[in-house]
Amino acid sequence: MTITIASLEPILAIAAGVAILIVPKLLNYIVAGYLILVGLLGLGILNL
């Protein structure tokens, strides 16, 4: 099985949701990390 961004997104979304429920202060870090990752992928700097 090949792991791609499309297959990782649902897993990351579930993990982020659980982490936010457990520690609500993580929301800022999770959103910031997601935005940075999407930005790097969009610019083509990071190829996954």
PDB file of N, CA and C in Angstrom:
ATOM      1  N   MET A   1       0.838  -1.184   0.000  1.00  0.00           N
ATOM      2  CA  MET A   1       0.000   0.000   0.000  1.00  0.00           C
ATOM      3  C   MET A   1       0.879   1.241   0.000  1.00  0.00           C
ATOM      4  N   THR A   2       0.606   2.128  -0.910  1.00  0.00           N
ATOM      5  CA  THR A   2       1.355   3.377  -0.996  1.00  0.00           C
ATOM      6  C   THR A   2       0.689   4.432  -0.125  1.00  0.00           C
ATOM      7  N   ILE A   3       1.496   5.072   0.700  1.00  0.00           N
ATOM      8  CA  ILE A   3       0.964   6.125   1.570  1.00  0.00           C
ATOM      9  C   ILE A   3       1.189   7.464   0.883  1.00  0.00           C
ATOM     10  N   THR A   4       0.107   8.168   0.642  1.00  0.00           N
ATOM     11  CA  THR A   4       0.173   9.488   0.021  1.00  0.00           C
ATOM     12  C   THR A   4      -0.457  10.521   0.947  1.00  0.00           C
ATOM     13  N   ILE A   5      -0.369  11.781   0.551  1.00  0.00           N
ATOM     14  CA  ILE A   5      -0.983  12.842   1.341  1.00  0.00           C
ATOM     15  C   ILE A   5      -2.482  12.617   1.455  1.00  0.00           C
ATOM     16  N   ALA A   6      -3.102  12.151   0.389  1.00  0.00           N
ATOM     17  CA  ALA A   6      -4.548  11.930   0.401  1.00  0.00           C
ATOM     18  C   ALA A   6      -4.946  10.873   1.431  1.00  0.00           C
ATOM     19  N   SER A   7      -4.108   9.880   1.638  1.00  0.00           N
ATOM     20  CA  SER A   7      -4.439   8.846   2.618  1.00  0.00           C
ATOM     21  C   SER A   7      -4.036   9.253   4.036  1.00  0.00           C
ATOM     22  N   LEU A   8      -3.133  10.206   4.166  1.00  0.00           N
ATOM     23  CA  LEU A   8      -2.712  10.650   5.496  1.00  0.00           C
ATOM     24  C   LEU A   8      -3.640  11.694   6.095  1.00  0.00           C
ATOM     25  N   GLU A   9      -4.309  12.473   5.257  1.00  0.00           N
ATOM     26  CA  GLU A   9      -5.138  13.568   5.759  1.00  0.00           C
ATOM     27  C   GLU A   9      -6.214  13.112   6.745  1.00  0.00           C
ATOM     28  N   PRO A  10      -6.993  12.051   6.443  1.00  0.00           N
ATOM     29  CA  PRO A  10      -8.005  11.635   7.424  1.00  0.00           C
ATOM     30  C   PRO A  10      -7.405  11.164   8.747  1.00  0.00           C
ATOM     31  N   ILE A  11      -6.281  10.483   8.676  1.00  0.00           N
ATOM     32  CA  ILE A  11      -5.629  10.005   9.896  1.00  0.00           C
ATOM     33  C   ILE A  11      -5.127  11.190  10.723  1.00  0.00           C
ATOM     34  N   LEU A  12      -4.524  12.168  10.064  1.00  0.00           N
ATOM     35  CA  LEU A  12      -4.041  13.357  10.763  1.00  0.00           C
ATOM     36  C   LEU A  12      -5.203  14.159  11.338  1.00  0.00           C
ATOM     37  N   ALA A  13      -6.309  14.229  10.622  1.00  0.00           N
ATOM     38  CA  ALA A  13      -7.474  14.965  11.111  1.00  0.00           C
ATOM     39  C   ALA A  13      -8.029  14.321  12.384  1.00  0.00           C
ATOM     40  N   ILE A  14      -8.112  13.000  12.399  1.00  0.00           N
ATOM     41  CA  ILE A  14      -8.603  12.304  13.591  1.00  0.00           C
ATOM     42  C   ILE A  14      -7.642  12.504  14.759  1.00  0.00           C
ATOM     43  N   ALA A  15      -6.356  12.365  14.503  1.00  0.00           N
ATOM     44  CA  ALA A  15      -5.364  12.546  15.565  1.00  0.00           C
ATOM     45  C   ALA A  15      -5.399  13.973  16.108  1.00  0.00           C
ATOM     46  N   ALA A  16      -5.538  14.956  15.236  1.00  0.00           N
ATOM     47  CA  ALA A  16      -5.607  16.353  15.679  1.00  0.00           C
ATOM     48  C   ALA A  16      -6.878  16.592  16.491  1.00  0.00           C
ATOM     49  N   GLY A  17      -7.990  16.024  16.059  1.00  0.00           N
ATOM     50  CA  GLY A  17      -9.238  16.185  16.794  1.00  0.00           C
ATOM     51  C   GLY A  17      -9.164  15.601  18.193  1.00  0.00           C
ATOM     52  N   VAL A  18      -8.590  14.438  18.308  1.00  0.00           N
ATOM     53  CA  VAL A  18      -8.450  13.812  19.629  1.00  0.00           C
ATOM     54  C   VAL A  18      -7.501  14.634  20.502  1.00  0.00           C
ATOM     55  N   ALA A  19      -6.405  15.109  19.917  1.00  0.00           N
ATOM     56  CA  ALA A  19      -5.449  15.906  20.687  1.00  0.00           C
ATOM     57  C   ALA A  19      -6.087  17.200  21.177  1.00  0.00           C
ATOM     58  N   ILE A  20      -6.932  17.826  20.346  1.00  0.00           N
ATOM     59  CA  ILE A  20      -7.598  19.061  20.745  1.00  0.00           C
ATOM     60  C   ILE A  20      -8.598  18.793  21.867  1.00  0.00           C
ATOM     61  N   LEU A  21      -9.291  17.660  21.802  1.00  0.00           N
ATOM     62  CA  LEU A  21     -10.224  17.322  22.874  1.00  0.00           C
ATOM     63  C   LEU A  21      -9.503  17.099  24.196  1.00  0.00           C
ATOM     64  N   ILE A  22      -8.327  16.484  24.138  1.00  0.00           N
ATOM     65  CA  ILE A  22      -7.581  16.178  25.359  1.00  0.00           C
ATOM     66  C   ILE A  22      -6.900  17.435  25.910  1.00  0.00           C
ATOM     67  N   VAL A  23      -6.238  18.192  25.024  1.00  0.00           N
ATOM     68  CA  VAL A  23      -5.502  19.390  25.434  1.00  0.00           C
ATOM     69  C   VAL A  23      -5.915  20.538  24.507  1.00  0.00           C
ATOM     70  N   PRO A  24      -6.937  21.313  24.879  1.00  0.00           N
ATOM     71  CA  PRO A  24      -7.443  22.368  23.992  1.00  0.00           C
ATOM     72  C   PRO A  24      -6.405  23.425  23.600  1.00  0.00           C
ATOM     73  N   LYS A  25      -5.388  23.631  24.412  1.00  0.00           N
ATOM     74  CA  LYS A  25      -4.368  24.638  24.071  1.00  0.00           C
ATOM     75  C   LYS A  25      -3.521  24.214  22.873  1.00  0.00           C
ATOM     76  N   LEU A  26      -3.591  22.934  22.503  1.00  0.00           N
ATOM     77  CA  LEU A  26      -2.843  22.461  21.337  1.00  0.00           C
ATOM     78  C   LEU A  26      -3.418  22.990  20.029  1.00  0.00           C
ATOM     79  N   LEU A  27      -4.641  23.505  20.067  1.00  0.00           N
ATOM     80  CA  LEU A  27      -5.301  23.953  18.848  1.00  0.00           C
ATOM     81  C   LEU A  27      -4.444  24.951  18.085  1.00  0.00           C
ATOM     82  N   ASN A  28      -3.853  25.907  18.759  1.00  0.00           N
ATOM     83  CA  ASN A  28      -3.021  26.911  18.083  1.00  0.00           C
ATOM     84  C   ASN A  28      -1.854  26.266  17.350  1.00  0.00           C
ATOM     85  N   TYR A  29      -1.194  25.329  17.991  1.00  0.00           N
ATOM     86  CA  TYR A  29      -0.036  24.682  17.393  1.00  0.00           C
ATOM     87  C   TYR A  29      -0.434  23.775  16.223  1.00  0.00           C
ATOM     88  N   ILE A  30      -1.552  23.087  16.373  1.00  0.00           N
ATOM     89  CA  ILE A  30      -2.004  22.190  15.312  1.00  0.00           C
ATOM     90  C   ILE A  30      -2.395  22.987  14.072  1.00  0.00           C
ATOM     91  N   VAL A  31      -3.124  24.073  14.269  1.00  0.00           N
ATOM     92  CA  VAL A  31      -3.533  24.907  13.134  1.00  0.00           C
ATOM     93  C   VAL A  31      -2.313  25.541  12.476  1.00  0.00           C
ATOM     94  N   ALA A  32      -1.386  26.032  13.272  1.00  0.00           N
ATOM     95  CA  ALA A  32      -0.181  26.648  12.717  1.00  0.00           C
ATOM     96  C   ALA A  32       0.636  25.626  11.927  1.00  0.00           C
ATOM     97  N   GLY A  33       0.804  24.439  12.469  1.00  0.00           N
ATOM     98  CA  GLY A  33       1.554  23.397  11.763  1.00  0.00           C
ATOM     99  C   GLY A  33       0.884  23.003  10.463  1.00  0.00           C
ATOM    100  N   TYR A  34      -0.442  22.898  10.482  1.00  0.00           N
ATOM    101  CA  TYR A  34      -1.189  22.555   9.265  1.00  0.00           C
ATOM    102  C   TYR A  34      -1.015  23.634   8.204  1.00  0.00           C
ATOM    103  N   LEU A  35      -1.130  24.883   8.596  1.00  0.00           N
ATOM    104  CA  LEU A  35      -0.998  25.972   7.629  1.00  0.00           C
ATOM    105  C   LEU A  35       0.409  26.034   7.033  1.00  0.00           C
ATOM    106  N   ILE A  36       1.414  25.815   7.854  1.00  0.00           N
ATOM    107  CA  ILE A  36       2.793  25.808   7.355  1.00  0.00           C
ATOM    108  C   ILE A  36       2.992  24.644   6.386  1.00  0.00           C
ATOM    109  N   LEU A  37       2.500  23.466   6.735  1.00  0.00           N
ATOM    110  CA  LEU A  37       2.640  22.299   5.869  1.00  0.00           C
ATOM    111  C   LEU A  37       1.937  22.511   4.531  1.00  0.00           C
ATOM    112  N   VAL A  38       0.713  23.013   4.563  1.00  0.00           N
ATOM    113  CA  VAL A  38      -0.030  23.256   3.325  1.00  0.00           C
ATOM    114  C   VAL A  38       0.670  24.320   2.483  1.00  0.00           C
ATOM    115  N   GLY A  39       1.209  25.332   3.127  1.00  0.00           N
ATOM    116  CA  GLY A  39       1.934  26.367   2.406  1.00  0.00           C
ATOM    117  C   GLY A  39       3.177  25.829   1.716  1.00  0.00           C
ATOM    118  N   LEU A  40       3.944  25.001   2.424  1.00  0.00           N
ATOM    119  CA  LEU A  40       5.152  24.421   1.834  1.00  0.00           C
ATOM    120  C   LEU A  40       4.810  23.478   0.682  1.00  0.00           C
ATOM    121  N   LEU A  41       3.743  22.703   0.846  1.00  0.00           N
ATOM    122  CA  LEU A  41       3.313  21.818  -0.236  1.00  0.00           C
ATOM    123  C   LEU A  41       2.820  22.618  -1.427  1.00  0.00           C
ATOM    124  N   GLY A  42       2.093  23.684  -1.170  1.00  0.00           N
ATOM    125  CA  GLY A  42       1.551  24.509  -2.245  1.00  0.00           C
ATOM    126  C   GLY A  42       2.632  25.213  -3.034  1.00  0.00           C
ATOM    127  N   LEU A  43       3.697  25.609  -2.386  1.00  0.00           N
ATOM    128  CA  LEU A  43       4.804  26.278  -3.071  1.00  0.00           C
ATOM    129  C   LEU A  43       5.744  25.295  -3.763  1.00  0.00           C
ATOM    130  N   GLY A  44       5.583  24.033  -3.477  1.00  0.00           N
ATOM    131  CA  GLY A  44       6.425  23.017  -4.082  1.00  0.00           C
ATOM    132  C   GLY A  44       7.760  22.854  -3.381  1.00  0.00           C
ATOM    133  N   ILE A  45       7.916  23.466  -2.227  1.00  0.00           N
ATOM    134  CA  ILE A  45       9.164  23.365  -1.481  1.00  0.00           C
ATOM    135  C   ILE A  45       9.289  21.981  -0.849  1.00  0.00           C
ATOM    136  N   LEU A  46       8.165  21.430  -0.429  1.00  0.00           N
ATOM    137  CA  LEU A  46       8.129  20.132   0.211  1.00  0.00           C
ATOM    138  C   LEU A  46       7.368  19.175  -0.697  1.00  0.00           C
ATOM    139  N   ASN A  47       8.025  18.146  -1.154  1.00  0.00           N
ATOM    140  CA  ASN A  47       7.376  17.176  -2.053  1.00  0.00           C
ATOM    141  C   ASN A  47       7.166  15.866  -1.323  1.00  0.00           C
ATOM    142  N   LEU A  48       5.905  15.562  -1.044  1.00  0.00           N
ATOM    143  CA  LEU A  48       5.590  14.300  -0.386  1.00  0.00           C
ATOM    144  C   LEU A  48       4.841  13.392  -1.327  1.00  0.00           C
TER     145      LEU A  48
END
